[in-house]
């Protein structure tokens, strides 16, 4: 069985002055500090979260 695909995401813009829903999405992705890079499973739910906050995160090439 193949390992699930992964996606690397970088949190590069601050959540200061952002709406509460966007803050919760950033927290839900697992970010705790600025310029942090996390690796998550590449699925529709994670892609939807990224789509909700494209101005705060970057998708990095693997």
PDB file of N, CA and C in Angstrom:
ATOM      1  N   UNK A   1       0.833  -1.178   0.000  1.00  0.00           N
ATOM      2  CA  UNK A   1       0.000   0.000   0.000  1.00  0.00           C
ATOM      3  C   UNK A   1       0.880   1.246   0.000  1.00  0.00           C
ATOM      4  N   UNK A   2       0.580   2.181  -0.870  1.00  0.00           N
ATOM      5  CA  UNK A   2       1.381   3.394  -1.004  1.00  0.00           C
ATOM      6  C   UNK A   2       1.103   4.352   0.148  1.00  0.00           C
ATOM      7  N   UNK A   3       2.131   5.075   0.530  1.00  0.00           N
ATOM      8  CA  UNK A   3       1.968   6.080   1.579  1.00  0.00           C
ATOM      9  C   UNK A   3       1.133   7.244   1.049  1.00  0.00           C
ATOM     10  N   UNK A   4       0.316   7.868   1.909  1.00  0.00           N
ATOM     11  CA  UNK A   4      -0.500   8.990   1.444  1.00  0.00           C
ATOM     12  C   UNK A   4       0.377  10.175   1.036  1.00  0.00           C
ATOM     13  N   UNK A   5      -0.079  10.919   0.034  1.00  0.00           N
ATOM     14  CA  UNK A   5       0.678  12.081  -0.417  1.00  0.00           C
ATOM     15  C   UNK A   5       0.688  13.140   0.671  1.00  0.00           C
ATOM     16  N   UNK A   6       1.774  13.875   0.730  1.00  0.00           N
ATOM     17  CA  UNK A   6       1.936  14.934   1.732  1.00  0.00           C
ATOM     18  C   UNK A   6       2.029  16.286   1.035  1.00  0.00           C
ATOM     19  N   UNK A   7       1.658  17.325   1.774  1.00  0.00           N
ATOM     20  CA  UNK A   7       1.748  18.687   1.269  1.00  0.00           C
ATOM     21  C   UNK A   7       2.436  19.529   2.341  1.00  0.00           C
ATOM     22  N   UNK A   8       3.402  20.352   1.925  1.00  0.00           N
ATOM     23  CA  UNK A   8       4.114  21.227   2.867  1.00  0.00           C
ATOM     24  C   UNK A   8       3.525  22.627   2.767  1.00  0.00           C
ATOM     25  N   UNK A   9       3.193  23.210   3.927  1.00  0.00           N
ATOM     26  CA  UNK A   9       2.546  24.515   3.982  1.00  0.00           C
ATOM     27  C   UNK A   9       3.351  25.415   4.906  1.00  0.00           C
ATOM     28  N   UNK A  10       3.564  26.650   4.492  1.00  0.00           N
ATOM     29  CA  UNK A  10       4.277  27.629   5.316  1.00  0.00           C
ATOM     30  C   UNK A  10       3.319  28.738   5.725  1.00  0.00           C
ATOM     31  N   UNK A  11       3.339  29.073   7.003  1.00  0.00           N
ATOM     32  CA  UNK A  11       2.544  30.174   7.560  1.00  0.00           C
ATOM     33  C   UNK A  11       3.440  31.414   7.548  1.00  0.00           C
ATOM     34  N   UNK A  12       3.135  32.372   6.647  1.00  0.00           N
ATOM     35  CA  UNK A  12       4.065  33.488   6.477  1.00  0.00           C
ATOM     36  C   UNK A  12       3.473  34.875   6.713  1.00  0.00           C
ATOM     37  N   UNK A  13       2.152  34.996   6.910  1.00  0.00           N
ATOM     38  CA  UNK A  13       1.552  36.305   7.205  1.00  0.00           C
ATOM     39  C   UNK A  13       0.811  36.207   8.529  1.00  0.00           C
ATOM     40  N   UNK A  14       0.864  37.256   9.321  1.00  0.00           N
ATOM     41  CA  UNK A  14       0.276  37.261  10.648  1.00  0.00           C
ATOM     42  C   UNK A  14      -1.250  37.266  10.610  1.00  0.00           C
ATOM     43  N   UNK A  15      -1.852  36.697  11.661  1.00  0.00           N
ATOM     44  CA  UNK A  15      -3.309  36.680  11.761  1.00  0.00           C
ATOM     45  C   UNK A  15      -3.857  37.894  12.508  1.00  0.00           C
ATOM     46  N   UNK A  16      -3.000  38.848  12.831  1.00  0.00           N
ATOM     47  CA  UNK A  16      -3.467  40.072  13.468  1.00  0.00           C
ATOM     48  C   UNK A  16      -4.445  40.756  12.516  1.00  0.00           C
ATOM     49  N   UNK A  17      -5.573  41.173  13.037  1.00  0.00           N
ATOM     50  CA  UNK A  17      -6.678  41.841  12.317  1.00  0.00           C
ATOM     51  C   UNK A  17      -7.449  40.915  11.378  1.00  0.00           C
ATOM     52  N   UNK A  18      -7.247  39.619  11.450  1.00  0.00           N
ATOM     53  CA  UNK A  18      -8.032  38.713  10.613  1.00  0.00           C
ATOM     54  C   UNK A  18      -9.271  38.272  11.376  1.00  0.00           C
ATOM     55  N   UNK A  19     -10.331  37.891  10.667  1.00  0.00           N
ATOM     56  CA  UNK A  19     -11.548  37.409  11.332  1.00  0.00           C
ATOM     57  C   UNK A  19     -11.293  36.120  12.123  1.00  0.00           C
ATOM     58  N   UNK A  20     -12.144  35.869  13.089  1.00  0.00           N
ATOM     59  CA  UNK A  20     -12.000  34.706  13.964  1.00  0.00           C
ATOM     60  C   UNK A  20     -12.000  33.402  13.181  1.00  0.00           C
ATOM     61  N   UNK A  21     -12.823  33.279  12.159  1.00  0.00           N
ATOM     62  CA  UNK A  21     -12.866  32.037  11.374  1.00  0.00           C
ATOM     63  C   UNK A  21     -11.513  31.734  10.746  1.00  0.00           C
ATOM     64  N   UNK A  22     -10.832  32.768  10.243  1.00  0.00           N
ATOM     65  CA  UNK A  22      -9.520  32.559   9.630  1.00  0.00           C
ATOM     66  C   UNK A  22      -8.486  32.170  10.678  1.00  0.00           C
ATOM     67  N   UNK A  23      -8.589  32.742  11.870  1.00  0.00           N
ATOM     68  CA  UNK A  23      -7.669  32.380  12.959  1.00  0.00           C
ATOM     69  C   UNK A  23      -7.831  30.904  13.310  1.00  0.00           C
ATOM     70  N   UNK A  24      -9.080  30.433  13.327  1.00  0.00           N
ATOM     71  CA  UNK A  24      -9.351  29.041  13.655  1.00  0.00           C
ATOM     72  C   UNK A  24      -8.824  28.095  12.579  1.00  0.00           C
ATOM     73  N   UNK A  25      -8.859  28.520  11.319  1.00  0.00           N
ATOM     74  CA  UNK A  25      -8.320  27.694  10.240  1.00  0.00           C
ATOM     75  C   UNK A  25      -6.802  27.563  10.389  1.00  0.00           C
ATOM     76  N   UNK A  26      -6.131  28.672  10.704  1.00  0.00           N
ATOM     77  CA  UNK A  26      -4.672  28.637  10.903  1.00  0.00           C
ATOM     78  C   UNK A  26      -4.331  27.691  12.054  1.00  0.00           C
ATOM     79  N   UNK A  27      -5.079  27.789  13.144  1.00  0.00           N
ATOM     80  CA  UNK A  27      -4.849  26.907  14.283  1.00  0.00           C
ATOM     81  C   UNK A  27      -5.158  25.457  13.927  1.00  0.00           C
ATOM     82  N   UNK A  28      -6.201  25.247  13.135  1.00  0.00           N
ATOM     83  CA  UNK A  28      -6.587  23.903  12.720  1.00  0.00           C
ATOM     84  C   UNK A  28      -5.546  23.221  11.846  1.00  0.00           C
ATOM     85  N   UNK A  29      -4.798  24.016  11.094  1.00  0.00           N
ATOM     86  CA  UNK A  29      -3.719  23.454  10.281  1.00  0.00           C
ATOM     87  C   UNK A  29      -2.503  23.096  11.129  1.00  0.00           C
ATOM     88  N   UNK A  30      -2.488  23.545  12.381  1.00  0.00           N
ATOM     89  CA  UNK A  30      -1.410  23.173  13.296  1.00  0.00           C
ATOM     90  C   UNK A  30      -0.319  24.214  13.440  1.00  0.00           C
ATOM     91  N   UNK A  31      -0.550  25.420  12.965  1.00  0.00           N
ATOM     92  CA  UNK A  31       0.469  26.464  13.076  1.00  0.00           C
ATOM     93  C   UNK A  31       0.450  27.091  14.462  1.00  0.00           C
ATOM     94  N   UNK A  32       1.644  27.316  15.015  1.00  0.00           N
ATOM     95  CA  UNK A  32       1.755  27.958  16.319  1.00  0.00           C
ATOM     96  C   UNK A  32       2.575  29.244  16.273  1.00  0.00           C
ATOM     97  N   UNK A  33       3.404  29.396  15.234  1.00  0.00           N
ATOM     98  CA  UNK A  33       4.177  30.631  15.121  1.00  0.00           C
ATOM     99  C   UNK A  33       4.459  30.954  13.654  1.00  0.00           C
ATOM    100  N   UNK A  34       4.803  32.196  13.411  1.00  0.00           N
ATOM    101  CA  UNK A  34       5.039  32.708  12.072  1.00  0.00           C
ATOM    102  C   UNK A  34       6.244  32.021  11.423  1.00  0.00           C
ATOM    103  N   UNK A  35       6.191  31.864  10.111  1.00  0.00           N
ATOM    104  CA  UNK A  35       7.228  31.229   9.296  1.00  0.00           C
ATOM    105  C   UNK A  35       7.417  29.746   9.599  1.00  0.00           C
ATOM    106  N   UNK A  36       6.446  29.147  10.245  1.00  0.00           N
ATOM    107  CA  UNK A  36       6.489  27.726  10.528  1.00  0.00           C
ATOM    108  C   UNK A  36       6.081  26.939   9.283  1.00  0.00           C
ATOM    109  N   UNK A  37       6.697  25.795   9.080  1.00  0.00           N
ATOM    110  CA  UNK A  37       6.357  24.911   7.968  1.00  0.00           C
ATOM    111  C   UNK A  37       5.834  23.608   8.560  1.00  0.00           C
ATOM    112  N   UNK A  38       4.645  23.190   8.100  1.00  0.00           N
ATOM    113  CA  UNK A  38       4.076  21.926   8.548  1.00  0.00           C
ATOM    114  C   UNK A  38       3.844  21.028   7.339  1.00  0.00           C
ATOM    115  N   UNK A  39       3.804  19.740   7.578  1.00  0.00           N
ATOM    116  CA  UNK A  39       3.538  18.773   6.517  1.00  0.00           C
ATOM    117  C   UNK A  39       2.239  18.062   6.868  1.00  0.00           C
ATOM    118  N   UNK A  40       1.283  18.133   5.990  1.00  0.00           N
ATOM    119  CA  UNK A  40      -0.029  17.532   6.203  1.00  0.00           C
ATOM    120  C   UNK A  40      -0.355  16.586   5.057  1.00  0.00           C
ATOM    121  N   UNK A  41      -1.302  15.698   5.303  1.00  0.00           N
ATOM    122  CA  UNK A  41      -1.781  14.793   4.270  1.00  0.00           C
ATOM    123  C   UNK A  41      -2.496  15.619   3.202  1.00  0.00           C
ATOM    124  N   UNK A  42      -2.242  15.311   1.936  1.00  0.00           N
ATOM    125  CA  UNK A  42      -2.840  16.062   0.833  1.00  0.00           C
ATOM    126  C   UNK A  42      -4.218  15.487   0.518  1.00  0.00           C
ATOM    127  N   UNK A  43      -5.257  16.108   1.096  1.00  0.00           N
ATOM    128  CA  UNK A  43      -6.617  15.669   0.830  1.00  0.00           C
ATOM    129  C   UNK A  43      -7.528  16.889   0.657  1.00  0.00           C
ATOM    130  N   UNK A  44      -8.779  16.636   0.364  1.00  0.00           N
ATOM    131  CA  UNK A  44      -9.715  17.721   0.058  1.00  0.00           C
ATOM    132  C   UNK A  44      -9.948  18.654   1.243  1.00  0.00           C
ATOM    133  N   UNK A  45      -9.982  18.129   2.459  1.00  0.00           N
ATOM    134  CA  UNK A  45     -10.234  18.981   3.611  1.00  0.00           C
ATOM    135  C   UNK A  45      -9.078  19.953   3.858  1.00  0.00           C
ATOM    136  N   UNK A  46      -7.846  19.476   3.722  1.00  0.00           N
ATOM    137  CA  UNK A  46      -6.680  20.354   3.903  1.00  0.00           C
ATOM    138  C   UNK A  46      -6.635  21.384   2.774  1.00  0.00           C
ATOM    139  N   UNK A  47      -6.907  20.954   1.538  1.00  0.00           N
ATOM    140  CA  UNK A  47      -6.932  21.884   0.409  1.00  0.00           C
ATOM    141  C   UNK A  47      -7.989  22.964   0.610  1.00  0.00           C
ATOM    142  N   UNK A  48      -9.144  22.598   1.184  1.00  0.00           N
ATOM    143  CA  UNK A  48     -10.193  23.570   1.463  1.00  0.00           C
ATOM    144  C   UNK A  48      -9.770  24.574   2.510  1.00  0.00           C
ATOM    145  N   UNK A  49      -9.044  24.117   3.522  1.00  0.00           N
ATOM    146  CA  UNK A  49      -8.550  25.027   4.560  1.00  0.00           C
ATOM    147  C   UNK A  49      -7.544  26.010   3.964  1.00  0.00           C
ATOM    148  N   UNK A  50      -6.674  25.523   3.087  1.00  0.00           N
ATOM    149  CA  UNK A  50      -5.692  26.392   2.433  1.00  0.00           C
ATOM    150  C   UNK A  50      -6.408  27.411   1.554  1.00  0.00           C
ATOM    151  N   UNK A  51      -7.448  26.974   0.864  1.00  0.00           N
ATOM    152  CA  UNK A  51      -8.210  27.859  -0.015  1.00  0.00           C
ATOM    153  C   UNK A  51      -8.903  28.977   0.767  1.00  0.00           C
ATOM    154  N   UNK A  52      -9.216  28.726   2.047  1.00  0.00           N
ATOM    155  CA  UNK A  52      -9.881  29.723   2.881  1.00  0.00           C
ATOM    156  C   UNK A  52      -8.927  30.833   3.322  1.00  0.00           C
ATOM    157  N   UNK A  53      -7.619  30.550   3.354  1.00  0.00           N
ATOM    158  CA  UNK A  53      -6.645  31.542   3.830  1.00  0.00           C
ATOM    159  C   UNK A  53      -5.426  31.636   2.908  1.00  0.00           C
ATOM    160  N   UNK A  54      -5.622  31.818   1.597  1.00  0.00           N
ATOM    161  CA  UNK A  54      -4.457  31.825   0.693  1.00  0.00           C
ATOM    162  C   UNK A  54      -3.537  33.025   0.914  1.00  0.00           C
ATOM    163  N   UNK A  55      -4.053  34.077   1.532  1.00  0.00           N
ATOM    164  CA  UNK A  55      -3.252  35.277   1.778  1.00  0.00           C
ATOM    165  C   UNK A  55      -2.364  35.134   3.014  1.00  0.00           C
ATOM    166  N   UNK A  56      -2.513  34.041   3.768  1.00  0.00           N
ATOM    167  CA  UNK A  56      -1.728  33.836   4.985  1.00  0.00           C
ATOM    168  C   UNK A  56      -0.727  32.695   4.888  1.00  0.00           C
ATOM    169  N   UNK A  57      -0.935  31.783   3.929  1.00  0.00           N
ATOM    170  CA  UNK A  57      -0.072  30.604   3.829  1.00  0.00           C
ATOM    171  C   UNK A  57       0.459  30.424   2.418  1.00  0.00           C
ATOM    172  N   UNK A  58       1.534  29.642   2.311  1.00  0.00           N
ATOM    173  CA  UNK A  58       2.114  29.276   1.012  1.00  0.00           C
ATOM    174  C   UNK A  58       2.193  27.753   0.947  1.00  0.00           C
ATOM    175  N   UNK A  59       1.953  27.218  -0.245  1.00  0.00           N
ATOM    176  CA  UNK A  59       2.162  25.791  -0.471  1.00  0.00           C
ATOM    177  C   UNK A  59       3.549  25.646  -1.076  1.00  0.00           C
ATOM    178  N   UNK A  60       4.404  24.868  -0.406  1.00  0.00           N
ATOM    179  CA  UNK A  60       5.794  24.711  -0.839  1.00  0.00           C
ATOM    180  C   UNK A  60       5.925  23.474  -1.708  1.00  0.00           C
ATOM    181  N   UNK A  61       6.858  23.519  -2.643  1.00  0.00           N
ATOM    182  CA  UNK A  61       7.147  22.375  -3.500  1.00  0.00           C
ATOM    183  C   UNK A  61       7.840  21.300  -2.682  1.00  0.00           C
ATOM    184  N   UNK A  62       7.546  20.048  -2.949  1.00  0.00           N
ATOM    185  CA  UNK A  62       8.179  18.933  -2.213  1.00  0.00           C
ATOM    186  C   UNK A  62       9.489  18.563  -2.789  1.00  0.00           C
TER     187      UNK A  62
END
